[in-house]
Amino acid sequence: MSEERSSVWGKSNITLPLQYAALVNGIAVHSMDFDDTWHPATHPSGAVLPALLALVEALPSRTSGLDLLLAFNVGIEVQGRLMRFSREAHNIPERFHPPSVVGVMGSAAASAKLLGLSPTQCIHALAIAASSAGAPLANAATQTKPLHIGNAARRGLEAAQLAQIGLEGNPAILDLDRGFGVYYKDYSPSAMPDSASSGFKWILEDQDVAVKSIPAHLGMHWVVDAALAARGKLVKADRNFDLRHIRHITLRVPPSKYIDCSSPATEHQARHSFQFNACSALLDDKVTVSSFSEAQISRPALKELLSRVTVETPEDNRPSFDEMYCEVEVETVEGQSYTARCDTFYGHWKKPLSHKDLVDKFRVNASSVLCTEGVEGTIDVIGNIERVSECSILGSYLRMTHEQ
C-alpha cells in the first residue's frame, strides 16, 4: 500500500501518499477552528475522517458506507473513552491540546478497523500511536495548532499500517501511568465491558457534540452570543447610537489563559480571544469567516473598542463546557449600562444547529473551493451514507473544484 495515493480535498489534480494526504486534509479540517467539537473537549472528526478517506481510495476492495461509518464511530468512541479516564481531560485542557493526545488514538483505531486488523494487531496499533501523541497547548492560537489535527490523522494511520506488517508496542500502554497516563495528572483507566456481555454500551450514543457557527475556539461562541444580545439592547434603546460612544466593556468569562488575548495580531490569535470576538460582534452585529481577515483585525475602530475592554473571571464561572457562561456589559459615555448573558449558545449540544443550518454551513464553506456538483454530490453521499456501496466516490466529489 506504500505506493498508493489519495486525494487532497479541494485540489483537482493533486494526490499524495496516504499518510501525507491524511496530514494535509487533517490540517485543512482544523485550519479555521471551524470543525466539530464535543464534550469531553476535543475535535474528534478531523483526526479520524482524513485517515479513513485516504484508506478508502487505496483499499483493493470496495468500502461501503456502513463500513466507513462503523470505522468512523470506532475512532470517535475510542477518543471519548480515553478522555473519560481523566477529569483534567474532560473539561477545558491544561497542558496538552486534546486532539493531539486522543485524536491519534482514534485515528489508529478507526484505521485498524477499516484495515480489518486482528485484536492483537489493534492493540499494537494503539501502542504505536501512543508514541506519537501529545502537543503542548502553548501552540494554540498559532499556525501550528491545525498541524496537531493533521499529525493525529497521519500518525494514527501509520500506526495501523505498521501494526499490520508486524510492528509491536507495549500491549498495556493504556493501563500504565508511564504509558498513556503521562498525558494527564489524574489518569485513571477503567476496563471496558466485554462486547459480548450485557454491560457493553457505546458511549457514542450519549456523546455531546457541538457544531460551530463561527470559525473560532468554542468558548468564543458564548461571548459572541452575549455580545450580540447586549448590542441588541443598546440599539433598541437608541437606534441612532454611535458605537464610538461606548465608554467601557466588561466581559465576565471563565478563567482560561490561552483564550484571553487582549490585542490579537493574527487570525489565529483572534480566533482565541474573548476580547476580539466580543468587540467584533458589537461593531459588526455578526462574526463570520471574514471577521478574522487581516483587514478586519487591523481596523482602527476595532482596536479602539478593544482598548476599552476589561475581563473578569467570577468564582462561579468554572472553565467547563457544561457549566460556563459569558456575560457582556456595555457602558456608554452617558452612563447607561446594557448587559446580556449566554449560558448556552446556538450550536451547543444542549441547543444544536438545525439540519438545515448544518448543511448550509457546509455548502457556504465548501462552495468557495468546490464546484456545485462537488458540493451537492458530497452532501448527497453523506446524507445517504448507510446506503452507499462504494465510498471512494467521496474522493471524486471532493476533487471537483472550480479549476476543472
Protein backbone atom coordinates (compact mmCIF):
# COMPACT_ATOMS: atom_id res chain seq x y z
CA MET A 1 0.00 0.00 0.00
CA SER A 2 3.05 2.28 0.25
CA GLU A 3 2.74 3.23 -3.42
CA GLU A 4 -0.96 4.09 -3.17
CA ARG A 5 -2.04 7.71 -3.32
CA SER A 6 -5.08 9.61 -2.14
CA SER A 7 -6.80 12.89 -2.90
CA VAL A 8 -6.08 16.30 -1.48
CA TRP A 9 -9.53 17.77 -0.90
CA GLY A 10 -10.27 20.83 -2.96
CA LYS A 11 -7.41 20.13 -5.39
CA SER A 12 -8.43 18.55 -8.67
CA ASN A 13 -5.02 17.30 -9.81
CA ILE A 14 -3.07 16.64 -6.62
CA THR A 15 -2.72 13.27 -4.94
CA LEU A 16 -0.30 12.27 -2.19
CA PRO A 17 0.81 9.08 -0.45
CA LEU A 18 -1.87 8.07 2.01
CA GLN A 19 -0.21 9.34 5.15
CA TYR A 20 0.52 12.74 3.63
CA ALA A 21 -2.98 13.07 2.22
CA ALA A 22 -4.29 12.40 5.74
CA LEU A 23 -1.87 15.00 7.11
CA VAL A 24 -2.78 17.74 4.62
CA ASN A 25 -6.52 17.11 4.81
CA GLY A 26 -6.39 16.96 8.61
CA ILE A 27 -4.65 20.33 8.73
CA ALA A 28 -7.29 21.75 6.39
CA VAL A 29 -10.11 20.49 8.61
CA HIS A 30 -8.82 22.50 11.58
CA SER A 31 -7.32 25.43 9.69
CA MET A 32 -10.07 27.84 10.74
CA ASP A 33 -11.00 26.12 14.03
CA PHE A 34 -14.39 25.55 12.39
CA ASP A 35 -14.63 21.76 12.80
CA ASP A 36 -16.91 19.89 15.18
CA THR A 37 -16.10 19.66 18.85
CA TRP A 38 -17.65 17.90 21.81
CA HIS A 39 -17.58 17.16 25.49
CA PRO A 40 -15.16 15.75 26.54
CA ALA A 41 -13.31 18.60 24.93
CA THR A 42 -11.66 17.59 21.67
CA HIS A 43 -12.13 17.84 17.92
CA PRO A 44 -12.93 14.22 17.04
CA SER A 45 -13.71 14.11 13.32
CA GLY A 46 -10.64 15.87 11.95
CA ALA A 47 -8.29 13.24 13.35
CA VAL A 48 -10.31 10.31 12.01
CA LEU A 49 -12.03 11.17 8.73
CA PRO A 50 -8.92 12.18 6.72
CA ALA A 51 -7.23 8.89 7.60
CA LEU A 52 -10.29 6.83 6.66
CA LEU A 53 -10.96 8.58 3.35
CA ALA A 54 -7.30 8.18 2.41
CA LEU A 55 -7.60 4.45 3.07
CA VAL A 56 -10.92 4.18 1.20
CA GLU A 57 -9.26 5.35 -2.01
CA ALA A 58 -6.43 2.84 -1.65
CA LEU A 59 -8.03 -0.39 -0.42
CA PRO A 60 -8.34 -3.02 -3.14
CA SER A 61 -11.83 -3.99 -2.00
CA ARG A 62 -14.87 -1.76 -2.02
CA THR A 63 -15.64 0.12 1.16
CA SER A 64 -19.34 0.57 1.76
CA GLY A 65 -20.94 3.47 3.57
CA LEU A 66 -21.66 1.21 6.52
CA ASP A 67 -18.02 0.09 6.64
CA LEU A 68 -16.87 3.70 6.68
CA LEU A 69 -19.46 4.71 9.27
CA LEU A 70 -18.54 1.88 11.62
CA ALA A 71 -14.81 2.62 11.42
CA PHE A 72 -15.51 6.32 11.95
CA ASN A 73 -17.64 5.57 15.02
CA VAL A 74 -14.89 3.35 16.44
CA GLY A 75 -12.44 6.23 16.10
CA ILE A 76 -14.80 8.64 17.87
CA GLU A 77 -15.65 6.10 20.57
CA VAL A 78 -12.01 5.46 21.44
CA GLN A 79 -11.35 9.17 21.87
CA GLY A 80 -14.35 9.58 24.16
CA ARG A 81 -13.41 6.64 26.36
CA LEU A 82 -9.81 7.80 26.75
CA MET A 83 -10.88 11.32 27.73
CA ARG A 84 -13.16 9.92 30.42
CA PHE A 85 -10.10 8.49 32.15
CA SER A 86 -9.22 11.99 33.36
CA ARG A 87 -11.21 14.85 34.84
CA GLU A 88 -8.44 17.14 33.67
CA ALA A 89 -9.01 15.97 30.12
CA HIS A 90 -12.79 16.04 30.40
CA ASN A 91 -13.04 19.83 30.62
CA ILE A 92 -11.04 22.72 29.17
CA PRO A 93 -7.48 21.31 28.98
CA GLU A 94 -4.45 22.49 30.93
CA ARG A 95 -1.29 21.19 29.26
CA PHE A 96 -1.95 19.30 26.02
CA HIS A 97 -4.14 20.05 23.02
CA PRO A 98 -6.60 17.13 23.28
CA PRO A 99 -6.77 16.10 19.58
CA SER A 100 -3.03 15.59 19.63
CA VAL A 101 -3.42 13.14 22.51
CA VAL A 102 -6.63 11.21 21.87
CA GLY A 103 -7.04 12.05 18.19
CA VAL A 104 -4.07 9.95 17.11
CA MET A 105 -5.51 7.03 19.09
CA GLY A 106 -8.89 7.47 17.41
CA SER A 107 -7.23 7.59 14.00
CA ALA A 108 -5.29 4.41 14.76
CA ALA A 109 -8.40 2.59 16.00
CA ALA A 110 -10.51 3.67 13.03
CA SER A 111 -7.80 2.79 10.53
CA ALA A 112 -7.25 -0.59 12.19
CA LYS A 113 -10.97 -1.31 11.91
CA LEU A 114 -11.11 -0.39 8.23
CA LEU A 115 -7.97 -2.45 7.51
CA GLY A 116 -9.52 -5.45 9.26
CA LEU A 117 -6.70 -5.93 11.75
CA SER A 118 -6.85 -8.69 14.34
CA PRO A 119 -7.49 -7.82 18.01
CA THR A 120 -3.79 -8.28 18.77
CA GLN A 121 -2.80 -6.04 15.87
CA CYS A 122 -5.30 -3.42 17.06
CA ILE A 123 -3.68 -3.41 20.50
CA HIS A 124 -0.29 -2.83 18.94
CA ALA A 125 -1.68 -0.12 16.66
CA LEU A 126 -2.81 1.82 19.73
CA ALA A 127 0.51 1.24 21.45
CA ILE A 128 2.40 2.52 18.42
CA ALA A 129 0.10 5.52 18.10
CA ALA A 130 0.65 6.44 21.76
CA SER A 131 4.29 7.12 20.96
CA SER A 132 3.20 9.82 18.50
CA ALA A 133 0.70 11.52 20.82
CA GLY A 134 0.88 14.86 22.55
CA ALA A 135 1.33 18.51 21.59
CA PRO A 136 1.65 21.43 24.04
CA LEU A 137 -1.29 23.73 24.48
CA ALA A 138 1.07 26.69 24.13
CA ASN A 139 0.84 26.25 20.36
CA ALA A 140 -2.88 27.01 20.43
CA ALA A 141 -3.66 30.37 18.80
CA THR A 142 -0.79 29.84 16.34
CA GLN A 143 -0.46 28.48 12.80
CA THR A 144 0.86 25.25 14.34
CA LYS A 145 -2.42 24.31 16.04
CA PRO A 146 -4.04 22.84 12.87
CA LEU A 147 -0.91 20.72 12.46
CA HIS A 148 -1.95 18.85 15.61
CA ILE A 149 -5.04 17.50 13.83
CA GLY A 150 -3.12 16.64 10.68
CA ASN A 151 -0.46 14.82 12.63
CA ALA A 152 -3.09 12.88 14.57
CA ALA A 153 -4.70 11.66 11.36
CA ARG A 154 -1.39 10.79 9.75
CA ARG A 155 0.28 9.13 12.73
CA GLY A 156 -2.76 7.05 13.60
CA LEU A 157 -2.98 5.77 10.04
CA GLU A 158 0.74 4.98 10.06
CA ALA A 159 0.41 3.16 13.38
CA ALA A 160 -2.29 0.88 11.99
CA GLN A 161 -0.25 0.17 8.87
CA LEU A 162 2.85 -0.60 10.94
CA ALA A 163 0.88 -2.96 13.17
CA GLN A 164 -0.46 -4.63 10.03
CA ILE A 165 3.08 -5.53 8.92
CA GLY A 166 4.11 -6.78 12.35
CA LEU A 167 5.48 -3.91 14.44
CA GLU A 168 4.68 -4.31 18.13
CA GLY A 169 4.38 -1.99 21.13
CA ASN A 170 3.56 -2.38 24.82
CA PRO A 171 0.12 -4.02 24.95
CA ALA A 172 -0.52 -2.45 28.38
CA ILE A 173 0.05 1.10 27.12
CA LEU A 174 -3.44 2.29 28.10
CA ASP A 175 -3.21 0.88 31.63
CA LEU A 176 0.02 2.48 32.80
CA ASP A 177 0.88 5.82 34.37
CA ARG A 178 4.10 5.69 32.38
CA GLY A 179 2.10 4.76 29.30
CA PHE A 180 -0.86 6.80 28.12
CA GLY A 181 -1.11 8.17 31.65
CA VAL A 182 1.84 10.52 31.06
CA TYR A 183 -0.52 12.97 29.38
CA TYR A 184 -2.85 13.52 32.35
CA LYS A 185 -2.00 14.10 36.01
CA ASP A 186 -5.18 12.37 37.20
CA TYR A 187 -5.23 9.46 34.73
CA SER A 188 -7.41 6.61 35.99
CA PRO A 189 -8.22 3.99 33.35
CA SER A 190 -11.12 1.58 33.68
CA ALA A 191 -11.81 -1.68 31.91
CA MET A 192 -14.26 -1.72 29.01
CA PRO A 193 -17.01 -4.34 29.36
CA ASP A 194 -16.67 -7.29 27.04
CA SER A 195 -18.66 -6.69 23.86
CA ALA A 196 -20.46 -9.99 24.34
CA SER A 197 -21.70 -9.04 27.79
CA SER A 198 -24.84 -7.13 28.56
CA GLY A 199 -22.73 -4.43 30.21
CA PHE A 200 -21.35 -3.02 26.96
CA LYS A 201 -22.74 0.23 25.64
CA TRP A 202 -21.42 2.65 23.06
CA ILE A 203 -20.76 5.93 24.86
CA LEU A 204 -21.17 7.46 21.43
CA GLU A 205 -24.91 7.14 21.97
CA ASP A 206 -24.72 9.71 24.77
CA GLN A 207 -21.91 11.84 23.38
CA ASP A 208 -22.29 15.61 23.39
CA VAL A 209 -21.38 17.25 20.07
CA ALA A 210 -21.18 20.94 19.19
CA VAL A 211 -21.16 22.26 15.63
CA LYS A 212 -19.74 25.76 15.44
CA SER A 213 -21.46 28.64 13.70
CA ILE A 214 -18.34 30.83 13.72
CA PRO A 215 -14.73 29.81 12.94
CA ALA A 216 -13.25 30.26 16.41
CA HIS A 217 -12.45 28.47 19.65
CA LEU A 218 -15.58 27.00 21.20
CA GLY A 219 -15.52 29.41 24.16
CA MET A 220 -15.91 32.33 21.77
CA HIS A 221 -19.45 31.24 20.91
CA TRP A 222 -20.72 32.12 24.38
CA VAL A 223 -19.18 35.58 24.32
CA VAL A 224 -20.38 36.32 20.77
CA ASP A 225 -23.99 35.40 21.59
CA ALA A 226 -23.85 37.54 24.74
CA ALA A 227 -22.29 40.50 22.90
CA LEU A 228 -24.91 40.35 20.13
CA ALA A 229 -27.67 40.33 22.73
CA ALA A 230 -26.14 43.28 24.60
CA ARG A 231 -25.78 45.17 21.31
CA GLY A 232 -29.42 44.45 20.53
CA LYS A 233 -30.49 46.01 23.84
CA LEU A 234 -28.33 49.06 23.21
CA VAL A 235 -29.64 49.64 19.67
CA LYS A 236 -33.23 49.07 20.80
CA ALA A 237 -32.80 51.83 23.35
CA ASP A 238 -31.26 54.19 20.78
CA ARG A 239 -31.40 53.26 17.09
CA ASN A 240 -29.00 56.08 16.22
CA PHE A 241 -26.43 55.13 18.83
CA ASP A 242 -22.81 55.53 17.73
CA LEU A 243 -20.60 52.71 18.99
CA ARG A 244 -17.84 55.24 19.48
CA HIS A 245 -19.87 56.36 22.49
CA ILE A 246 -19.14 53.11 24.32
CA ARG A 247 -17.11 54.03 27.40
CA HIS A 248 -16.33 50.57 28.72
CA ILE A 249 -16.96 46.88 28.04
CA THR A 250 -16.80 44.22 30.76
CA LEU A 251 -16.54 40.54 29.89
CA ARG A 252 -17.30 38.02 32.63
CA VAL A 253 -15.85 34.73 31.43
CA PRO A 254 -14.31 31.56 32.88
CA PRO A 255 -10.57 31.62 33.60
CA SER A 256 -8.55 30.25 30.69
CA LYS A 257 -5.19 31.77 29.82
CA TYR A 258 -4.92 30.66 26.21
CA ILE A 259 -8.22 32.25 25.15
CA ASP A 260 -7.64 35.55 26.95
CA CYS A 261 -5.87 37.65 24.31
CA SER A 262 -6.35 41.38 24.69
CA SER A 263 -4.63 42.54 21.48
CA PRO A 264 -4.67 39.81 18.81
CA ALA A 265 -2.36 40.46 15.87
CA THR A 266 -3.06 37.35 13.78
CA GLU A 267 -6.15 35.45 12.71
CA HIS A 268 -5.24 32.52 14.96
CA GLN A 269 -4.87 34.76 17.99
CA ALA A 270 -8.18 36.40 17.09
CA ARG A 271 -9.91 33.03 16.99
CA HIS A 272 -8.78 32.51 20.60
CA SER A 273 -9.61 35.94 22.01
CA PHE A 274 -12.68 36.66 24.13
CA GLN A 275 -11.99 40.36 23.64
CA PHE A 276 -11.73 40.26 19.84
CA ASN A 277 -14.85 38.21 19.33
CA ALA A 278 -16.95 40.30 21.68
CA CYS A 279 -15.80 43.55 20.06
CA SER A 280 -16.30 42.20 16.53
CA ALA A 281 -19.87 41.26 17.42
CA LEU A 282 -20.52 44.68 18.94
CA LEU A 283 -19.01 46.51 16.00
CA ASP A 284 -20.46 44.49 13.11
CA ASP A 285 -23.55 42.81 14.61
CA LYS A 286 -22.10 39.48 13.42
CA VAL A 287 -18.98 37.32 13.42
CA THR A 288 -18.16 35.46 10.20
CA VAL A 289 -15.23 33.92 8.35
CA SER A 290 -14.22 37.33 7.05
CA SER A 291 -14.10 38.73 10.59
CA PHE A 292 -10.71 37.07 11.02
CA SER A 293 -9.06 38.56 7.95
CA GLU A 294 -6.04 40.81 8.37
CA ALA A 295 -8.02 43.82 7.17
CA GLN A 296 -10.73 43.30 9.79
CA ILE A 297 -8.31 42.60 12.62
CA SER A 298 -6.32 45.77 11.95
CA ARG A 299 -9.30 48.16 11.81
CA PRO A 300 -8.75 51.28 13.94
CA ALA A 301 -12.37 51.16 15.17
CA LEU A 302 -11.89 47.62 16.43
CA LYS A 303 -8.60 48.41 18.12
CA GLU A 304 -10.20 51.39 19.81
CA LEU A 305 -13.01 49.19 21.11
CA LEU A 306 -10.52 46.57 22.34
CA SER A 307 -8.77 49.22 24.43
CA ARG A 308 -11.98 49.66 26.45
CA VAL A 309 -12.38 46.01 27.46
CA THR A 310 -11.90 44.57 30.94
CA VAL A 311 -12.05 40.83 31.60
CA GLU A 312 -13.40 39.47 34.87
CA THR A 313 -13.48 35.82 35.96
CA PRO A 314 -16.23 35.34 38.58
CA GLU A 315 -15.72 32.50 41.03
CA ASP A 316 -18.96 30.83 39.96
CA ASN A 317 -17.89 30.72 36.30
CA ARG A 318 -15.99 27.44 36.03
CA PRO A 319 -13.88 26.51 32.98
CA SER A 320 -16.24 23.73 31.94
CA PHE A 321 -18.09 23.49 28.64
CA ASP A 322 -21.03 22.06 30.58
CA GLU A 323 -21.28 24.83 33.16
CA MET A 324 -19.59 28.02 31.90
CA TYR A 325 -21.30 31.23 30.88
CA CYS A 326 -20.24 34.54 29.33
CA GLU A 327 -21.67 37.91 30.27
CA VAL A 328 -21.10 41.15 28.37
CA GLU A 329 -21.78 44.53 29.94
CA VAL A 330 -21.60 47.66 27.77
CA GLU A 331 -21.41 51.07 29.46
CA THR A 332 -21.94 54.26 27.49
CA VAL A 333 -20.46 57.72 27.97
CA GLU A 334 -23.96 58.83 29.05
CA GLY A 335 -23.75 56.43 31.99
CA GLN A 336 -26.19 53.81 30.70
CA SER A 337 -25.44 50.10 31.01
CA TYR A 338 -26.62 47.16 28.89
CA THR A 339 -25.89 43.59 29.98
CA ALA A 340 -26.55 40.21 28.39
CA ARG A 341 -25.54 36.72 29.38
CA CYS A 342 -25.20 33.49 27.40
CA ASP A 343 -25.40 30.16 29.17
CA THR A 344 -25.94 28.02 26.07
CA PHE A 345 -25.04 29.24 22.59
CA TYR A 346 -26.73 28.12 19.36
CA GLY A 347 -24.73 25.09 18.20
CA HIS A 348 -24.05 23.79 21.72
CA TRP A 349 -25.06 20.15 22.33
CA LYS A 350 -27.91 21.45 24.51
CA LYS A 351 -29.03 23.78 21.71
CA PRO A 352 -27.87 22.13 18.45
CA LEU A 353 -27.88 23.60 14.97
CA SER A 354 -30.82 22.60 12.81
CA HIS A 355 -30.06 20.18 9.99
CA LYS A 356 -30.70 22.97 7.52
CA ASP A 357 -28.20 25.29 9.20
CA LEU A 358 -25.65 22.47 9.36
CA VAL A 359 -25.96 21.76 5.64
CA ASP A 360 -25.94 25.47 4.84
CA LYS A 361 -22.69 25.87 6.79
CA PHE A 362 -21.06 23.14 4.72
CA ARG A 363 -22.47 24.50 1.48
CA VAL A 364 -21.22 28.05 2.09
CA ASN A 365 -17.72 26.96 3.07
CA ALA A 366 -17.25 24.18 0.52
CA SER A 367 -18.51 26.25 -2.40
CA SER A 368 -15.52 28.56 -2.04
CA VAL A 369 -13.39 25.68 -3.32
CA LEU A 370 -15.65 23.04 -4.88
CA CYS A 371 -17.94 23.41 -7.85
CA THR A 372 -21.68 22.97 -7.39
CA GLU A 373 -21.59 19.30 -8.42
CA GLY A 374 -18.84 18.60 -5.89
CA VAL A 375 -20.69 20.34 -3.07
CA GLU A 376 -24.09 18.81 -3.75
CA GLY A 377 -22.62 15.38 -4.50
CA THR A 378 -20.82 15.35 -1.16
CA ILE A 379 -23.98 16.40 0.67
CA ASP A 380 -25.95 13.64 -1.06
CA VAL A 381 -23.40 10.90 -0.30
CA ILE A 382 -23.11 11.85 3.37
CA GLY A 383 -26.88 12.14 3.70
CA ASN A 384 -27.30 8.61 2.35
CA ILE A 385 -24.10 7.10 3.72
CA GLU A 386 -25.75 3.95 5.06
CA ARG A 387 -26.93 3.03 1.56
CA VAL A 388 -23.72 3.88 -0.32
CA SER A 389 -22.00 0.82 -1.76
CA GLU A 390 -18.73 2.48 -2.82
CA CYS A 391 -17.37 5.28 -0.62
CA SER A 392 -14.46 6.18 -2.89
CA ILE A 393 -16.96 8.38 -4.75
CA LEU A 394 -16.49 10.89 -1.92
CA GLY A 395 -12.93 11.47 -3.08
CA SER A 396 -14.22 12.16 -6.57
CA TYR A 397 -16.64 14.82 -5.35
CA LEU A 398 -14.04 16.40 -3.08
CA ARG A 399 -11.77 16.91 -6.10
CA MET A 400 -14.42 18.72 -8.19
CA THR A 401 -13.07 22.25 -7.97
CA HIS A 402 -13.73 25.46 -9.86
CA GLU A 403 -10.42 24.85 -11.66
CA GLN A 404 -11.88 22.00 -13.70
